[in-house]
Amino acid sequence: MGDKIFAMESSRDPSLPRTSAVENAVVTFKVAVIASKLMPIIQQRMVSVPPALMLLSIVAFGEAFGGTAKVFAAPITVLLYVLVTKLYVRDTLHEKVAVPGESDAQAPK
């Protein structure tokens, strides 16, 4: 068993540069910062969901259901946002609002 592990470690291509743990941490930190600042802005323009709502929902889903739930946090948030906008704000409150995914805001009759 030990020979197999040694064989896998020694099969690494020596021409490839080795990266240190510090370099990996810096790159990971940069990606996380860029993603946390840039993605809400992109999503806000594409889906019209407030960026703060999206960030809070991602954090809440992560805390409540674990790290893998963060993947589903944005789509579920968009779904809930559209449902609340259409069913509550438009139909119950009778306000004219734009709903993400529709070309124009429609007033209820």
C-alpha atoms as a PDB file:
ATOM      1  CA  MET A   1       0.000   0.000   0.000  1.00  0.00           C
ATOM      2  CA  GLY A   2       2.787   2.405   0.890  1.00  0.00           C
ATOM      3  CA  ASP A   3       4.509   1.747  -2.456  1.00  0.00           C
ATOM      4  CA  LYS A   4       1.398   2.847  -4.350  1.00  0.00           C
ATOM      5  CA  ILE A   5       1.226   6.152  -2.499  1.00  0.00           C
ATOM      6  CA  PHE A   6       4.914   6.785  -3.135  1.00  0.00           C
ATOM      7  CA  ALA A   7       4.460   5.930  -6.818  1.00  0.00           C
ATOM      8  CA  MET A   8       1.617   8.475  -7.137  1.00  0.00           C
ATOM      9  CA  GLU A   9       3.649  11.218  -5.493  1.00  0.00           C
ATOM     10  CA  SER A  10       6.713  10.583  -7.621  1.00  0.00           C
ATOM     11  CA  SER A  11       4.714  10.552 -10.870  1.00  0.00           C
ATOM     12  CA  ARG A  12       4.250  14.330 -10.670  1.00  0.00           C
ATOM     13  CA  ASP A  13       5.729  16.221 -13.608  1.00  0.00           C
ATOM     14  CA  PRO A  14       8.881  17.979 -12.299  1.00  0.00           C
ATOM     15  CA  SER A  15       8.648  20.720 -14.953  1.00  0.00           C
ATOM     16  CA  LEU A  16       5.450  22.082 -13.386  1.00  0.00           C
ATOM     17  CA  PRO A  17       6.001  24.780 -10.779  1.00  0.00           C
ATOM     18  CA  ARG A  18       4.999  23.974  -7.235  1.00  0.00           C
ATOM     19  CA  THR A  19       2.613  26.356  -5.551  1.00  0.00           C
ATOM     20  CA  SER A  20       2.804  27.030  -1.880  1.00  0.00           C
ATOM     21  CA  ALA A  21      -0.090  27.010   0.538  1.00  0.00           C
ATOM     22  CA  VAL A  22       0.240  30.780   0.886  1.00  0.00           C
ATOM     23  CA  GLU A  23      -0.099  31.300  -2.867  1.00  0.00           C
ATOM     24  CA  ASN A  24      -3.142  29.031  -2.948  1.00  0.00           C
ATOM     25  CA  ALA A  25      -4.694  30.918  -0.041  1.00  0.00           C
ATOM     26  CA  VAL A  26      -4.095  34.296  -1.712  1.00  0.00           C
ATOM     27  CA  VAL A  27      -5.659  33.164  -4.989  1.00  0.00           C
ATOM     28  CA  THR A  28      -8.633  31.656  -3.163  1.00  0.00           C
ATOM     29  CA  PHE A  29      -9.099  34.864  -1.182  1.00  0.00           C
ATOM     30  CA  LYS A  30      -8.970  36.991  -4.353  1.00  0.00           C
ATOM     31  CA  VAL A  31     -11.544  34.795  -6.089  1.00  0.00           C
ATOM     32  CA  ALA A  32     -13.834  34.898  -3.054  1.00  0.00           C
ATOM     33  CA  VAL A  33     -13.622  38.685  -2.763  1.00  0.00           C
ATOM     34  CA  ILE A  34     -14.224  39.237  -6.464  1.00  0.00           C
ATOM     35  CA  ALA A  35     -17.114  36.791  -6.488  1.00  0.00           C
ATOM     36  CA  SER A  36     -18.706  38.292  -3.401  1.00  0.00           C
ATOM     37  CA  LYS A  37     -18.483  41.843  -4.794  1.00  0.00           C
ATOM     38  CA  LEU A  38     -19.059  41.264  -8.507  1.00  0.00           C
ATOM     39  CA  MET A  39     -21.674  38.499  -8.605  1.00  0.00           C
ATOM     40  CA  PRO A  40     -24.408  40.418  -6.746  1.00  0.00           C
ATOM     41  CA  ILE A  41     -23.995  43.336  -9.162  1.00  0.00           C
ATOM     42  CA  ILE A  42     -24.290  41.040 -12.181  1.00  0.00           C
ATOM     43  CA  GLN A  43     -27.269  39.219 -10.697  1.00  0.00           C
ATOM     44  CA  GLN A  44     -28.980  42.488  -9.812  1.00  0.00           C
ATOM     45  CA  ARG A  45     -28.770  43.634 -13.435  1.00  0.00           C
ATOM     46  CA  MET A  46     -29.795  40.280 -14.896  1.00  0.00           C
ATOM     47  CA  VAL A  47     -32.599  39.366 -12.503  1.00  0.00           C
ATOM     48  CA  SER A  48     -33.416  42.671 -10.746  1.00  0.00           C
ATOM     49  CA  VAL A  49     -33.056  41.131  -7.296  1.00  0.00           C
ATOM     50  CA  PRO A  50     -31.444  43.475  -4.767  1.00  0.00           C
ATOM     51  CA  PRO A  51     -27.808  42.452  -4.165  1.00  0.00           C
ATOM     52  CA  ALA A  52     -28.171  42.634  -0.379  1.00  0.00           C
ATOM     53  CA  LEU A  53     -31.092  40.197  -0.509  1.00  0.00           C
ATOM     54  CA  MET A  54     -29.039  37.784  -2.608  1.00  0.00           C
ATOM     55  CA  LEU A  55     -26.027  37.948  -0.281  1.00  0.00           C
ATOM     56  CA  LEU A  56     -28.160  37.486   2.819  1.00  0.00           C
ATOM     57  CA  SER A  57     -29.965  34.533   1.286  1.00  0.00           C
ATOM     58  CA  ILE A  58     -26.691  32.835   0.322  1.00  0.00           C
ATOM     59  CA  VAL A  59     -25.351  33.279   3.845  1.00  0.00           C
ATOM     60  CA  ALA A  60     -28.639  32.135   5.409  1.00  0.00           C
ATOM     61  CA  PHE A  61     -28.874  29.040   3.204  1.00  0.00           C
ATOM     62  CA  GLY A  62     -25.249  28.212   3.970  1.00  0.00           C
ATOM     63  CA  GLU A  63     -25.768  28.525   7.707  1.00  0.00           C
ATOM     64  CA  ALA A  64     -29.084  26.681   7.739  1.00  0.00           C
ATOM     65  CA  PHE A  65     -28.384  23.821   5.340  1.00  0.00           C
ATOM     66  CA  GLY A  66     -24.602  23.658   4.885  1.00  0.00           C
ATOM     67  CA  GLY A  67     -22.138  24.617   2.192  1.00  0.00           C
ATOM     68  CA  THR A  68     -23.723  22.708  -0.671  1.00  0.00           C
ATOM     69  CA  ALA A  69     -27.001  24.583  -0.173  1.00  0.00           C
ATOM     70  CA  LYS A  70     -25.252  27.791  -1.240  1.00  0.00           C
ATOM     71  CA  VAL A  71     -25.390  26.528  -4.821  1.00  0.00           C
ATOM     72  CA  PHE A  72     -29.189  26.486  -4.701  1.00  0.00           C
ATOM     73  CA  ALA A  73     -29.584  29.703  -2.695  1.00  0.00           C
ATOM     74  CA  ALA A  74     -29.613  32.110  -5.656  1.00  0.00           C
ATOM     75  CA  PRO A  75     -32.175  30.245  -7.805  1.00  0.00           C
ATOM     76  CA  ILE A  76     -34.475  29.688  -4.824  1.00  0.00           C
ATOM     77  CA  THR A  77     -34.165  33.354  -3.840  1.00  0.00           C
ATOM     78  CA  VAL A  78     -35.073  34.473  -7.364  1.00  0.00           C
ATOM     79  CA  LEU A  79     -38.057  32.108  -7.361  1.00  0.00           C
ATOM     80  CA  LEU A  80     -39.301  33.405  -3.991  1.00  0.00           C
ATOM     81  CA  TYR A  81     -38.702  37.022  -5.039  1.00  0.00           C
ATOM     82  CA  VAL A  82     -40.779  36.577  -8.202  1.00  0.00           C
ATOM     83  CA  LEU A  83     -43.546  34.770  -6.313  1.00  0.00           C
ATOM     84  CA  VAL A  84     -43.768  37.477  -3.656  1.00  0.00           C
ATOM     85  CA  THR A  85     -43.668  40.218  -6.294  1.00  0.00           C
ATOM     86  CA  LYS A  86     -46.393  38.648  -8.445  1.00  0.00           C
ATOM     87  CA  LEU A  87     -48.681  37.150  -5.829  1.00  0.00           C
ATOM     88  CA  TYR A  88     -48.407  39.660  -3.016  1.00  0.00           C
ATOM     89  CA  VAL A  89     -47.296  43.031  -4.332  1.00  0.00           C
ATOM     90  CA  ARG A  90     -49.078  42.914  -7.680  1.00  0.00           C
ATOM     91  CA  ASP A  91     -52.210  40.871  -6.922  1.00  0.00           C
ATOM     92  CA  THR A  92     -52.862  41.653  -3.255  1.00  0.00           C
ATOM     93  CA  LEU A  93     -51.595  45.220  -2.964  1.00  0.00           C
ATOM     94  CA  HIS A  94     -52.586  46.087  -6.585  1.00  0.00           C
ATOM     95  CA  GLU A  95     -49.372  47.955  -7.276  1.00  0.00           C
ATOM     96  CA  LYS A  96     -47.780  48.143 -10.686  1.00  0.00           C
ATOM     97  CA  VAL A  97     -44.330  46.548 -10.348  1.00  0.00           C
ATOM     98  CA  ALA A  98     -41.825  45.047 -12.726  1.00  0.00           C
ATOM     99  CA  VAL A  99     -41.312  41.322 -12.305  1.00  0.00           C
ATOM    100  CA  PRO A 100     -37.989  39.757 -13.294  1.00  0.00           C
ATOM    101  CA  GLY A 101     -38.462  37.816 -16.508  1.00  0.00           C
ATOM    102  CA  GLU A 102     -41.341  39.880 -17.857  1.00  0.00           C
ATOM    103  CA  SER A 103     -40.798  42.503 -20.535  1.00  0.00           C
ATOM    104  CA  ASP A 104     -42.933  45.196 -18.872  1.00  0.00           C
ATOM    105  CA  ALA A 105     -44.858  45.738 -15.672  1.00  0.00           C
ATOM    106  CA  GLN A 106     -48.515  44.839 -15.973  1.00  0.00           C
ATOM    107  CA  ALA A 107     -51.168  46.448 -13.849  1.00  0.00           C
ATOM    108  CA  PRO A 108     -53.824  44.164 -12.442  1.00  0.00           C
ATOM    109  CA  LYS A 109     -57.377  44.643 -13.699  1.00  0.00           C
END
